[in-house]
PDB file of all heavy atoms in Angstrom:
ATOM      1  N   CYS A   1      19.353 -24.400  -4.627  1.00  0.00           N
ATOM      2  CA  CYS A   1      19.983 -23.087  -4.717  1.00  0.00           C
ATOM      3  C   CYS A   1      19.008 -22.066  -4.143  1.00  0.00           C
ATOM      4  O   CYS A   1      17.837 -22.042  -4.521  1.00  0.00           O
ATOM      5  CB  CYS A   1      20.315 -22.761  -6.172  1.00  0.00           C
ATOM      6  SG  CYS A   1      21.019 -21.121  -6.403  1.00  0.00           S
ATOM      7  N   PHE A   2      19.478 -21.242  -3.229  1.00  0.00           N
ATOM      8  CA  PHE A   2      18.618 -20.285  -2.531  1.00  0.00           C
ATOM      9  C   PHE A   2      19.080 -18.880  -2.893  1.00  0.00           C
ATOM     10  O   PHE A   2      19.995 -18.340  -2.284  1.00  0.00           O
ATOM     11  CB  PHE A   2      18.712 -20.532  -1.029  1.00  0.00           C
ATOM     12  CG  PHE A   2      17.621 -19.874  -0.210  1.00  0.00           C
ATOM     13  CD1 PHE A   2      16.629 -19.122  -0.800  1.00  0.00           C
ATOM     14  CD2 PHE A   2      17.592 -20.030   1.167  1.00  0.00           C
ATOM     15  CE1 PHE A   2      15.628 -18.539  -0.051  1.00  0.00           C
ATOM     16  CE2 PHE A   2      16.598 -19.458   1.943  1.00  0.00           C
ATOM     17  CZ  PHE A   2      15.617 -18.698   1.331  1.00  0.00           C
ATOM     18  N   ILE A   3      18.459 -18.283  -3.903  1.00  0.00           N
ATOM     19  CA  ILE A   3      18.807 -16.930  -4.340  1.00  0.00           C
ATOM     20  C   ILE A   3      17.966 -15.935  -3.535  1.00  0.00           C
ATOM     21  O   ILE A   3      16.737 -16.001  -3.537  1.00  0.00           O
ATOM     22  CB  ILE A   3      18.526 -16.739  -5.843  1.00  0.00           C
ATOM     23  CG1 ILE A   3      19.323 -17.765  -6.656  1.00  0.00           C
ATOM     24  CG2 ILE A   3      18.894 -15.324  -6.275  1.00  0.00           C
ATOM     25  CD1 ILE A   3      18.999 -17.740  -8.147  1.00  0.00           C
ATOM     26  N   ILE A   4      18.647 -15.024  -2.843  1.00  0.00           N
ATOM     27  CA  ILE A   4      17.964 -14.083  -1.955  1.00  0.00           C
ATOM     28  C   ILE A   4      18.254 -12.662  -2.410  1.00  0.00           C
ATOM     29  O   ILE A   4      19.417 -12.279  -2.585  1.00  0.00           O
ATOM     30  CB  ILE A   4      18.437 -14.260  -0.496  1.00  0.00           C
ATOM     31  CG1 ILE A   4      18.262 -15.713  -0.055  1.00  0.00           C
ATOM     32  CG2 ILE A   4      17.675 -13.323   0.428  1.00  0.00           C
ATOM     33  CD1 ILE A   4      18.964 -16.022   1.245  1.00  0.00           C
ATOM     34  N   GLN A   5      17.201 -11.883  -2.584  1.00  0.00           N
ATOM     35  CA  GLN A   5      17.354 -10.483  -2.955  1.00  0.00           C
ATOM     36  C   GLN A   5      17.173  -9.620  -1.707  1.00  0.00           C
ATOM     37  O   GLN A   5      16.171  -9.716  -1.011  1.00  0.00           O
ATOM     38  CB  GLN A   5      16.323 -10.098  -4.026  1.00  0.00           C
ATOM     39  CG  GLN A   5      16.503  -8.674  -4.542  1.00  0.00           C
ATOM     40  CD  GLN A   5      15.481  -8.342  -5.624  1.00  0.00           C
ATOM     41  OE1 GLN A   5      14.943  -9.230  -6.274  1.00  0.00           O
ATOM     42  NE2 GLN A   5      15.212  -7.072  -5.803  1.00  0.00           N
ATOM     43  N   MET A   6      18.163  -8.789  -1.434  1.00  0.00           N
ATOM     44  CA  MET A   6      18.129  -7.946  -0.245  1.00  0.00           C
ATOM     45  C   MET A   6      17.041  -6.880  -0.353  1.00  0.00           C
ATOM     46  O   MET A   6      16.615  -6.514  -1.440  1.00  0.00           O
ATOM     47  CB  MET A   6      19.484  -7.265  -0.045  1.00  0.00           C
ATOM     48  CG  MET A   6      20.649  -8.222   0.184  1.00  0.00           C
ATOM     49  SD  MET A   6      20.457  -9.255   1.650  1.00  0.00           S
ATOM     50  CE  MET A   6      20.040 -10.837   0.897  1.00  0.00           C
ATOM     51  N   PRO A   7      16.562  -6.358   0.797  1.00  0.00           N
ATOM     52  CA  PRO A   7      15.525  -5.305   0.751  1.00  0.00           C
ATOM     53  C   PRO A   7      16.068  -4.047   0.096  1.00  0.00           C
ATOM     54  O   PRO A   7      17.205  -3.639   0.331  1.00  0.00           O
ATOM     55  CB  PRO A   7      15.210  -5.064   2.236  1.00  0.00           C
ATOM     56  CG  PRO A   7      16.397  -5.569   2.977  1.00  0.00           C
ATOM     57  CD  PRO A   7      16.939  -6.709   2.175  1.00  0.00           C
ATOM     58  N   ARG A   8      15.262  -3.442  -0.744  1.00  0.00           N
ATOM     59  CA  ARG A   8      15.693  -2.223  -1.434  1.00  0.00           C
ATOM     60  C   ARG A   8      14.488  -1.311  -1.655  1.00  0.00           C
ATOM     61  O   ARG A   8      13.368  -1.773  -1.881  1.00  0.00           O
ATOM     62  CB  ARG A   8      16.345  -2.574  -2.787  1.00  0.00           C
ATOM     63  CG  ARG A   8      15.514  -3.462  -3.669  1.00  0.00           C
ATOM     64  CD  ARG A   8      16.348  -4.113  -4.769  1.00  0.00           C
ATOM     65  NE  ARG A   8      16.734  -3.201  -5.817  1.00  0.00           N
ATOM     66  CZ  ARG A   8      15.989  -2.941  -6.893  1.00  0.00           C
ATOM     67  NH1 ARG A   8      14.805  -3.522  -7.043  1.00  0.00           N
ATOM     68  NH2 ARG A   8      16.404  -2.122  -7.816  1.00  0.00           N
ATOM     69  N   PHE A   9      14.736  -0.013  -1.599  1.00  0.00           N
ATOM     70  CA  PHE A   9      13.651   0.946  -1.725  1.00  0.00           C
ATOM     71  C   PHE A   9      14.028   2.077  -2.671  1.00  0.00           C
ATOM     72  O   PHE A   9      13.788   3.245  -2.400  1.00  0.00           O
ATOM     73  CB  PHE A   9      13.272   1.507  -0.341  1.00  0.00           C
ATOM     74  CG  PHE A   9      12.575   0.503   0.528  1.00  0.00           C
ATOM     75  CD1 PHE A   9      13.300  -0.378   1.290  1.00  0.00           C
ATOM     76  CD2 PHE A   9      11.205   0.426   0.550  1.00  0.00           C
ATOM     77  CE1 PHE A   9      12.672  -1.310   2.096  1.00  0.00           C
ATOM     78  CE2 PHE A   9      10.550  -0.504   1.349  1.00  0.00           C
ATOM     79  CZ  PHE A   9      11.288  -1.371   2.124  1.00  0.00           C
ATOM     80  N   GLY A  10      14.645   1.725  -3.783  1.00  0.00           N
ATOM     81  CA  GLY A  10      14.956   2.725  -4.790  1.00  0.00           C
ATOM     82  C   GLY A  10      16.111   3.644  -4.412  1.00  0.00           C
ATOM     83  O   GLY A  10      16.878   3.373  -3.492  1.00  0.00           O
ATOM     84  N   LYS A  11      16.233   4.736  -5.098  1.00  0.00           N
ATOM     85  CA  LYS A  11      17.387   5.616  -4.941  1.00  0.00           C
ATOM     86  C   LYS A  11      17.261   6.546  -3.739  1.00  0.00           C
ATOM     87  O   LYS A  11      18.264   6.988  -3.180  1.00  0.00           O
ATOM     88  CB  LYS A  11      17.561   6.459  -6.210  1.00  0.00           C
ATOM     89  CG  LYS A  11      17.813   5.630  -7.466  1.00  0.00           C
ATOM     90  CD  LYS A  11      17.902   6.516  -8.693  1.00  0.00           C
ATOM     91  CE  LYS A  11      18.123   5.690  -9.957  1.00  0.00           C
ATOM     92  NZ  LYS A  11      18.153   6.527 -11.176  1.00  0.00           N
ATOM     93  N   GLU A  12      16.038   6.856  -3.331  1.00  0.00           N
ATOM     94  CA  GLU A  12      15.844   7.867  -2.300  1.00  0.00           C
ATOM     95  C   GLU A  12      16.018   7.327  -0.890  1.00  0.00           C
ATOM     96  O   GLU A  12      16.462   8.039   0.007  1.00  0.00           O
ATOM     97  CB  GLU A  12      14.443   8.483  -2.448  1.00  0.00           C
ATOM     98  CG  GLU A  12      14.189   9.133  -3.800  1.00  0.00           C
ATOM     99  CD  GLU A  12      15.182  10.242  -4.098  1.00  0.00           C
ATOM    100  OE1 GLU A  12      15.518  10.992  -3.159  1.00  0.00           O
ATOM    101  OE2 GLU A  12      15.630  10.347  -5.258  1.00  0.00           O
ATOM    102  N   TYR A  13      15.644   6.087  -0.645  1.00  0.00           N
ATOM    103  CA  TYR A  13      15.657   5.560   0.721  1.00  0.00           C
ATOM    104  C   TYR A  13      16.195   4.143   0.749  1.00  0.00           C
ATOM    105  O   TYR A  13      15.771   3.286  -0.017  1.00  0.00           O
ATOM    106  CB  TYR A  13      14.233   5.568   1.299  1.00  0.00           C
ATOM    107  CG  TYR A  13      14.116   4.874   2.632  1.00  0.00           C
ATOM    108  CD1 TYR A  13      14.686   5.406   3.779  1.00  0.00           C
ATOM    109  CD2 TYR A  13      13.449   3.657   2.736  1.00  0.00           C
ATOM    110  CE1 TYR A  13      14.587   4.764   5.001  1.00  0.00           C
ATOM    111  CE2 TYR A  13      13.345   2.997   3.958  1.00  0.00           C
ATOM    112  CZ  TYR A  13      13.916   3.562   5.077  1.00  0.00           C
ATOM    113  OH  TYR A  13      13.817   2.911   6.280  1.00  0.00           O
ATOM    114  N   LYS A  14      17.144   3.914   1.629  1.00  0.00           N
ATOM    115  CA  LYS A  14      17.681   2.573   1.843  1.00  0.00           C
ATOM    116  C   LYS A  14      17.375   2.166   3.283  1.00  0.00           C
ATOM    117  O   LYS A  14      17.672   2.910   4.217  1.00  0.00           O
ATOM    118  CB  LYS A  14      19.199   2.555   1.615  1.00  0.00           C
ATOM    119  CG  LYS A  14      19.616   2.882   0.181  1.00  0.00           C
ATOM    120  CD  LYS A  14      19.291   1.736  -0.759  1.00  0.00           C
ATOM    121  CE  LYS A  14      19.858   1.970  -2.142  1.00  0.00           C
ATOM    122  NZ  LYS A  14      19.273   3.090  -2.856  1.00  0.00           N
ATOM    123  N   MET A  15      16.767   0.986   3.459  1.00  0.00           N
ATOM    124  CA  MET A  15      16.420   0.544   4.799  1.00  0.00           C
ATOM    125  C   MET A  15      17.671   0.327   5.654  1.00  0.00           C
ATOM    126  O   MET A  15      17.685   0.654   6.839  1.00  0.00           O
ATOM    127  CB  MET A  15      15.595  -0.745   4.734  1.00  0.00           C
ATOM    128  CG  MET A  15      15.199  -1.274   6.104  1.00  0.00           C
ATOM    129  SD  MET A  15      14.079  -2.689   6.036  1.00  0.00           S
ATOM    130  CE  MET A  15      12.528  -1.873   5.646  1.00  0.00           C
ATOM    131  N   PHE A  16      18.725  -0.234   5.043  1.00  0.00           N
ATOM    132  CA  PHE A  16      19.974  -0.473   5.755  1.00  0.00           C
ATOM    133  C   PHE A  16      21.132   0.085   4.933  1.00  0.00           C
ATOM    134  O   PHE A  16      21.204  -0.144   3.731  1.00  0.00           O
ATOM    135  CB  PHE A  16      20.192  -1.969   5.992  1.00  0.00           C
ATOM    136  CG  PHE A  16      19.067  -2.644   6.728  1.00  0.00           C
ATOM    137  CD1 PHE A  16      18.201  -3.489   6.059  1.00  0.00           C
ATOM    138  CD2 PHE A  16      18.879  -2.424   8.084  1.00  0.00           C
ATOM    139  CE1 PHE A  16      17.160  -4.107   6.720  1.00  0.00           C
ATOM    140  CE2 PHE A  16      17.844  -3.035   8.759  1.00  0.00           C
ATOM    141  CZ  PHE A  16      16.974  -3.872   8.085  1.00  0.00           C
ATOM    142  N   SER A  17      22.017   0.801   5.604  1.00  0.00           N
ATOM    143  CA  SER A  17      23.180   1.333   4.889  1.00  0.00           C
ATOM    144  C   SER A  17      24.171   0.233   4.559  1.00  0.00           C
ATOM    145  O   SER A  17      24.904   0.323   3.580  1.00  0.00           O
ATOM    146  CB  SER A  17      23.865   2.411   5.735  1.00  0.00           C
ATOM    147  OG  SER A  17      24.289   1.882   6.980  1.00  0.00           O
ATOM    148  N   LYS A  18      24.192  -0.814   5.396  1.00  0.00           N
ATOM    149  CA  LYS A  18      25.082  -1.948   5.155  1.00  0.00           C
ATOM    150  C   LYS A  18      24.381  -3.232   5.573  1.00  0.00           C
ATOM    151  O   LYS A  18      23.562  -3.228   6.497  1.00  0.00           O
ATOM    152  CB  LYS A  18      26.386  -1.820   5.965  1.00  0.00           C
ATOM    153  CG  LYS A  18      27.230  -0.603   5.645  1.00  0.00           C
ATOM    154  CD  LYS A  18      28.470  -0.580   6.526  1.00  0.00           C
ATOM    155  CE  LYS A  18      29.330   0.650   6.251  1.00  0.00           C
ATOM    156  NZ  LYS A  18      28.669   1.889   6.686  1.00  0.00           N
ATOM    157  N   ILE A  19      24.694  -4.329   4.886  1.00  0.00           N
ATOM    158  CA  ILE A  19      24.224  -5.663   5.259  1.00  0.00           C
ATOM    159  C   ILE A  19      25.431  -6.593   5.236  1.00  0.00           C
ATOM    160  O   ILE A  19      26.164  -6.647   4.245  1.00  0.00           O
ATOM    161  CB  ILE A  19      23.143  -6.179   4.290  1.00  0.00           C
ATOM    162  CG1 ILE A  19      21.904  -5.291   4.345  1.00  0.00           C
ATOM    163  CG2 ILE A  19      22.760  -7.624   4.610  1.00  0.00           C
ATOM    164  CD1 ILE A  19      20.846  -5.621   3.301  1.00  0.00           C
ATOM    165  N   ILE A  20      25.649  -7.310   6.333  1.00  0.00           N
ATOM    166  CA  ILE A  20      26.792  -8.216   6.426  1.00  0.00           C
ATOM    167  C   ILE A  20      26.434  -9.555   5.778  1.00  0.00           C
ATOM    168  O   ILE A  20      25.444 -10.180   6.157  1.00  0.00           O
ATOM    169  CB  ILE A  20      27.194  -8.445   7.894  1.00  0.00           C
ATOM    170  CG1 ILE A  20      27.563  -7.113   8.559  1.00  0.00           C
ATOM    171  CG2 ILE A  20      28.356  -9.436   7.993  1.00  0.00           C
ATOM    172  CD1 ILE A  20      27.784  -7.220  10.049  1.00  0.00           C
ATOM    173  N   PRO A  21      27.198 -10.025   4.812  1.00  0.00           N
ATOM    174  CA  PRO A  21      26.910 -11.333   4.207  1.00  0.00           C
ATOM    175  C   PRO A  21      27.098 -12.458   5.223  1.00  0.00           C
ATOM    176  O   PRO A  21      28.086 -12.477   5.957  1.00  0.00           O
ATOM    177  CB  PRO A  21      27.949 -11.440   3.083  1.00  0.00           C
ATOM    178  CG  PRO A  21      28.442 -10.056   2.856  1.00  0.00           C
ATOM    179  CD  PRO A  21      28.354  -9.360   4.172  1.00  0.00           C
ATOM    180  N   SER A  22      26.153 -13.362   5.272  1.00  0.00           N
ATOM    181  CA  SER A  22      26.308 -14.571   6.084  1.00  0.00           C
ATOM    182  C   SER A  22      26.928 -15.640   5.199  1.00  0.00           C
ATOM    183  O   SER A  22      26.325 -16.053   4.203  1.00  0.00           O
ATOM    184  CB  SER A  22      24.947 -15.050   6.606  1.00  0.00           C
ATOM    185  OG  SER A  22      24.365 -14.081   7.465  1.00  0.00           O
ATOM    186  N   LEU A  23      28.126 -16.089   5.540  1.00  0.00           N
ATOM    187  CA  LEU A  23      28.833 -17.037   4.692  1.00  0.00           C
ATOM    188  C   LEU A  23      28.166 -18.409   4.698  1.00  0.00           C
ATOM    189  O   LEU A  23      28.333 -19.196   3.775  1.00  0.00           O
ATOM    190  CB  LEU A  23      30.288 -17.150   5.126  1.00  0.00           C
ATOM    191  CG  LEU A  23      31.084 -15.835   5.069  1.00  0.00           C
ATOM    192  CD1 LEU A  23      32.545 -16.079   5.411  1.00  0.00           C
ATOM    193  CD2 LEU A  23      30.966 -15.189   3.701  1.00  0.00           C
ATOM    194  N   GLU A  24      27.408 -18.698   5.755  1.00  0.00           N
ATOM    195  CA  GLU A  24      26.573 -19.900   5.799  1.00  0.00           C
ATOM    196  C   GLU A  24      25.190 -19.486   6.251  1.00  0.00           C
ATOM    197  O   GLU A  24      25.038 -18.557   7.047  1.00  0.00           O
ATOM    198  CB  GLU A  24      27.153 -20.941   6.766  1.00  0.00           C
ATOM    199  CG  GLU A  24      28.465 -21.546   6.302  1.00  0.00           C
ATOM    200  CD  GLU A  24      28.958 -22.644   7.246  1.00  0.00           C
ATOM    201  OE1 GLU A  24      28.353 -22.790   8.339  1.00  0.00           O
ATOM    202  OE2 GLU A  24      29.916 -23.333   6.902  1.00  0.00           O
ATOM    203  N   LEU A  25      24.177 -20.184   5.743  1.00  0.00           N
ATOM    204  CA  LEU A  25      22.792 -19.853   6.079  1.00  0.00           C
ATOM    205  C   LEU A  25      22.131 -21.074   6.711  1.00  0.00           C
ATOM    206  O   LEU A  25      22.061 -22.138   6.095  1.00  0.00           O
ATOM    207  CB  LEU A  25      22.039 -19.438   4.811  1.00  0.00           C
ATOM    208  CG  LEU A  25      20.724 -18.681   5.008  1.00  0.00           C
ATOM    209  CD1 LEU A  25      20.968 -17.339   5.675  1.00  0.00           C
ATOM    210  CD2 LEU A  25      20.022 -18.478   3.672  1.00  0.00           C
ATOM    211  N   ASP A  26      21.657 -20.926   7.945  1.00  0.00           N
ATOM    212  CA  ASP A  26      20.976 -22.007   8.651  1.00  0.00           C
ATOM    213  C   ASP A  26      19.476 -21.893   8.378  1.00  0.00           C
ATOM    214  O   ASP A  26      18.830 -20.947   8.818  1.00  0.00           O
ATOM    215  CB  ASP A  26      21.254 -21.897  10.151  1.00  0.00           C
ATOM    216  CG  ASP A  26      20.660 -23.059  10.946  1.00  0.00           C
ATOM    217  OD1 ASP A  26      19.918 -23.874  10.353  1.00  0.00           O
ATOM    218  OD2 ASP A  26      20.919 -23.134  12.164  1.00  0.00           O
ATOM    219  N   ILE A  27      18.933 -22.857   7.629  1.00  0.00           N
ATOM    220  CA  ILE A  27      17.508 -22.800   7.278  1.00  0.00           C
ATOM    221  C   ILE A  27      16.680 -23.803   8.084  1.00  0.00           C
ATOM    222  O   ILE A  27      15.529 -24.064   7.745  1.00  0.00           O
ATOM    223  CB  ILE A  27      17.295 -23.049   5.769  1.00  0.00           C
ATOM    224  CG1 ILE A  27      17.780 -24.446   5.368  1.00  0.00           C
ATOM    225  CG2 ILE A  27      17.988 -21.977   4.941  1.00  0.00           C
ATOM    226  CD1 ILE A  27      17.385 -24.836   3.952  1.00  0.00           C
ATOM    227  N   THR A  28      17.262 -24.326   9.175  1.00  0.00           N
ATOM    228  CA  THR A  28      16.564 -25.327   9.984  1.00  0.00           C
ATOM    229  C   THR A  28      15.180 -24.850  10.403  1.00  0.00           C
ATOM    230  O   THR A  28      14.186 -25.565  10.257  1.00  0.00           O
ATOM    231  CB  THR A  28      17.392 -25.665  11.240  1.00  0.00           C
ATOM    232  OG1 THR A  28      18.687 -26.072  10.840  1.00  0.00           O
ATOM    233  CG2 THR A  28      16.732 -26.782  12.031  1.00  0.00           C
ATOM    234  N   ASP A  29      15.102 -23.630  10.930  1.00  0.00           N
ATOM    235  CA  ASP A  29      13.832 -23.101  11.436  1.00  0.00           C
ATOM    236  C   ASP A  29      12.920 -22.601  10.315  1.00  0.00           C
ATOM    237  O   ASP A  29      11.787 -22.201  10.580  1.00  0.00           O
ATOM    238  CB  ASP A  29      14.094 -21.962  12.428  1.00  0.00           C
ATOM    239  CG  ASP A  29      14.742 -22.476  13.702  1.00  0.00           C
ATOM    240  OD1 ASP A  29      14.618 -23.675  13.985  1.00  0.00           O
ATOM    241  OD2 ASP A  29      15.375 -21.669  14.417  1.00  0.00           O
ATOM    242  N   LEU A  30      13.402 -22.595   9.099  1.00  0.00           N
ATOM    243  CA  LEU A  30      12.597 -22.115   7.971  1.00  0.00           C
ATOM    244  C   LEU A  30      11.923 -23.256   7.216  1.00  0.00           C
ATOM    245  O   LEU A  30      11.086 -23.016   6.353  1.00  0.00           O
ATOM    246  CB  LEU A  30      13.472 -21.321   6.994  1.00  0.00           C
ATOM    247  CG  LEU A  30      14.341 -20.201   7.574  1.00  0.00           C
ATOM    248  CD1 LEU A  30      15.123 -19.517   6.458  1.00  0.00           C
ATOM    249  CD2 LEU A  30      13.507 -19.195   8.338  1.00  0.00           C
ATOM    250  N   LEU A  31      12.288 -24.500   7.546  1.00  0.00           N
ATOM    251  CA  LEU A  31      11.754 -25.658   6.823  1.00  0.00           C
ATOM    252  C   LEU A  31      10.413 -26.108   7.388  1.00  0.00           C
ATOM    253  O   LEU A  31      10.217 -26.159   8.597  1.00  0.00           O
ATOM    254  CB  LEU A  31      12.743 -26.828   6.894  1.00  0.00           C
ATOM    255  CG  LEU A  31      13.953 -26.758   5.963  1.00  0.00           C
ATOM    256  CD1 LEU A  31      14.936 -27.857   6.311  1.00  0.00           C
ATOM    257  CD2 LEU A  31      13.524 -26.881   4.507  1.00  0.00           C
ATOM    258  N   LEU A  32       9.516 -26.443   6.502  1.00  0.00           N
ATOM    259  CA  LEU A  32       8.202 -26.938   6.882  1.00  0.00           C
ATOM    260  C   LEU A  32       8.317 -28.372   7.406  1.00  0.00           C
ATOM    261  O   LEU A  32       8.949 -29.230   6.785  1.00  0.00           O
ATOM    262  CB  LEU A  32       7.266 -26.908   5.664  1.00  0.00           C
ATOM    263  CG  LEU A  32       5.814 -27.315   5.877  1.00  0.00           C
ATOM    264  CD1 LEU A  32       5.095 -26.279   6.741  1.00  0.00           C
ATOM    265  CD2 LEU A  32       5.102 -27.449   4.530  1.00  0.00           C
ATOM    266  N   ASP A  33       7.716 -28.634   8.562  1.00  0.00           N
ATOM    267  CA  ASP A  33       7.669 -29.986   9.155  1.00  0.00           C
ATOM    268  C   ASP A  33       9.053 -30.589   9.344  1.00  0.00           C
ATOM    269  O   ASP A  33       9.235 -31.802   9.224  1.00  0.00           O
ATOM    270  CB  ASP A  33       6.817 -30.932   8.280  1.00  0.00           C
ATOM    271  CG  ASP A  33       5.388 -30.452   8.160  1.00  0.00           C
ATOM    272  OD1 ASP A  33       4.887 -29.848   9.118  1.00  0.00           O
ATOM    273  OD2 ASP A  33       4.769 -30.688   7.100  1.00  0.00           O
ATOM    274  N   SER A  34      10.012 -29.774   9.663  1.00  0.00           N
ATOM    275  CA  SER A  34      11.359 -30.289   9.913  1.00  0.00           C
ATOM    276  C   SER A  34      11.509 -30.626  11.392  1.00  0.00           C
ATOM    277  O   SER A  34      11.152 -29.814  12.252  1.00  0.00           O
ATOM    278  CB  SER A  34      12.402 -29.233   9.521  1.00  0.00           C
ATOM    279  OG  SER A  34      13.702 -29.633   9.905  1.00  0.00           O
ATOM    280  N   PRO A  35      11.986 -31.831  11.727  1.00  0.00           N
ATOM    281  CA  PRO A  35      12.186 -32.179  13.143  1.00  0.00           C
ATOM    282  C   PRO A  35      13.257 -31.298  13.772  1.00  0.00           C
ATOM    283  O   PRO A  35      14.350 -31.162  13.223  1.00  0.00           O
ATOM    284  CB  PRO A  35      12.630 -33.647  13.089  1.00  0.00           C
ATOM    285  CG  PRO A  35      13.181 -33.832  11.720  1.00  0.00           C
ATOM    286  CD  PRO A  35      12.395 -32.923  10.826  1.00  0.00           C
ATOM    287  N   ARG A  36      12.906 -30.698  14.909  1.00  0.00           N
ATOM    288  CA  ARG A  36      13.835 -29.797  15.584  1.00  0.00           C
ATOM    289  C   ARG A  36      13.845 -30.075  17.084  1.00  0.00           C
ATOM    290  O   ARG A  36      12.927 -30.659  17.639  1.00  0.00           O
ATOM    291  CB  ARG A  36      13.456 -28.343  15.316  1.00  0.00           C
ATOM    292  CG  ARG A  36      13.851 -27.885  13.926  1.00  0.00           C
ATOM    293  CD  ARG A  36      13.349 -26.497  13.649  1.00  0.00           C
ATOM    294  NE  ARG A  36      11.887 -26.488  13.502  1.00  0.00           N
ATOM    295  CZ  ARG A  36      11.153 -25.398  13.487  1.00  0.00           C
ATOM    296  NH1 ARG A  36      11.728 -24.225  13.619  1.00  0.00           N
ATOM    297  NH2 ARG A  36       9.847 -25.462  13.350  1.00  0.00           N
ATOM    298  N   GLU A  37      14.873 -29.577  17.700  1.00  0.00           N
ATOM    299  CA  GLU A  37      15.074 -29.828  19.124  1.00  0.00           C
ATOM    300  C   GLU A  37      14.283 -28.836  19.969  1.00  0.00           C
ATOM    301  O   GLU A  37      14.239 -27.643  19.680  1.00  0.00           O
ATOM    302  CB  GLU A  37      16.569 -29.698  19.433  1.00  0.00           C
ATOM    303  CG  GLU A  37      16.954 -29.993  20.854  1.00  0.00           C
ATOM    304  CD  GLU A  37      18.445 -29.839  21.074  1.00  0.00           C
ATOM    305  OE1 GLU A  37      19.221 -30.684  20.592  1.00  0.00           O
ATOM    306  OE2 GLU A  37      18.847 -28.838  21.719  1.00  0.00           O
ATOM    307  N   CYS A  38      13.646 -29.337  21.018  1.00  0.00           N
ATOM    308  CA  CYS A  38      12.956 -28.467  21.971  1.00  0.00           C
ATOM    309  C   CYS A  38      13.998 -27.658  22.737  1.00  0.00           C
ATOM    310  O   CYS A  38      14.987 -28.202  23.225  1.00  0.00           O
ATOM    311  CB  CYS A  38      12.114 -29.297  22.943  1.00  0.00           C
ATOM    312  SG  CYS A  38      11.400 -28.300  24.274  1.00  0.00           S
ATOM    313  N   CYS A  39      13.763 -26.337  22.833  1.00  0.00           N
ATOM    314  CA  CYS A  39      14.751 -25.473  23.479  1.00  0.00           C
ATOM    315  C   CYS A  39      14.762 -25.643  24.999  1.00  0.00           C
ATOM    316  O   CYS A  39      15.675 -25.138  25.668  1.00  0.00           O
ATOM    317  CB  CYS A  39      14.490 -24.017  23.113  1.00  0.00           C
ATOM    318  SG  CYS A  39      12.878 -23.405  23.648  1.00  0.00           S
ATOM    319  N   LEU A  40      13.763 -26.367  25.548  1.00  0.00           N
ATOM    320  CA  LEU A  40      13.697 -26.558  27.000  1.00  0.00           C
ATOM    321  C   LEU A  40      14.242 -27.916  27.438  1.00  0.00           C
ATOM    322  O   LEU A  40      15.098 -27.994  28.314  1.00  0.00           O
ATOM    323  CB  LEU A  40      12.251 -26.400  27.489  1.00  0.00           C
ATOM    324  CG  LEU A  40      11.622 -25.015  27.293  1.00  0.00           C
ATOM    325  CD1 LEU A  40      10.183 -25.014  27.802  1.00  0.00           C
ATOM    326  CD2 LEU A  40      12.439 -23.949  28.011  1.00  0.00           C
ATOM    327  N   CYS A  41      13.744 -28.986  26.797  1.00  0.00           N
ATOM    328  CA  CYS A  41      14.124 -30.322  27.264  1.00  0.00           C
ATOM    329  C   CYS A  41      15.113 -31.051  26.348  1.00  0.00           C
ATOM    330  O   CYS A  41      15.713 -32.048  26.750  1.00  0.00           O
ATOM    331  CB  CYS A  41      12.863 -31.185  27.440  1.00  0.00           C
ATOM    332  SG  CYS A  41      12.047 -31.611  25.875  1.00  0.00           S
ATOM    333  N   GLY A  42      15.262 -30.571  25.119  1.00  0.00           N
ATOM    334  CA  GLY A  42      16.214 -31.206  24.218  1.00  0.00           C
ATOM    335  C   GLY A  42      15.649 -32.335  23.387  1.00  0.00           C
ATOM    336  O   GLY A  42      16.315 -32.844  22.498  1.00  0.00           O
ATOM    337  N   ASP A  43      14.397 -32.751  23.657  1.00  0.00           N
ATOM    338  CA  ASP A  43      13.763 -33.785  22.842  1.00  0.00           C
ATOM    339  C   ASP A  43      13.253 -33.181  21.541  1.00  0.00           C
ATOM    340  O   ASP A  43      13.338 -31.972  21.325  1.00  0.00           O
ATOM    341  CB  ASP A  43      12.605 -34.424  23.616  1.00  0.00           C
ATOM    342  CG  ASP A  43      13.095 -35.295  24.770  1.00  0.00           C
ATOM    343  OD1 ASP A  43      14.265 -35.721  24.711  1.00  0.00           O
ATOM    344  OD2 ASP A  43      12.318 -35.530  25.718  1.00  0.00           O
ATOM    345  N   VAL A  44      12.680 -34.050  20.682  1.00  0.00           N
ATOM    346  CA  VAL A  44      12.098 -33.547  19.436  1.00  0.00           C
ATOM    347  C   VAL A  44      10.900 -32.657  19.769  1.00  0.00           C
ATOM    348  O   VAL A  44       9.999 -33.056  20.514  1.00  0.00           O
ATOM    349  CB  VAL A  44      11.658 -34.719  18.531  1.00  0.00           C
ATOM    350  CG1 VAL A  44      10.987 -34.178  17.275  1.00  0.00           C
ATOM    351  CG2 VAL A  44      12.867 -35.566  18.143  1.00  0.00           C
TER     352      VAL A  44
END
């Protein structure tokens, strides 16, 4: 379960007026030592 708290700066200042919910979250690039595809050749 990945509970994420959005950025907030109290009552006086909000960094973003709106944030669009992502209905799916891709964590491929966030995983440690996860095998991923090379963006140039397509190999690991």
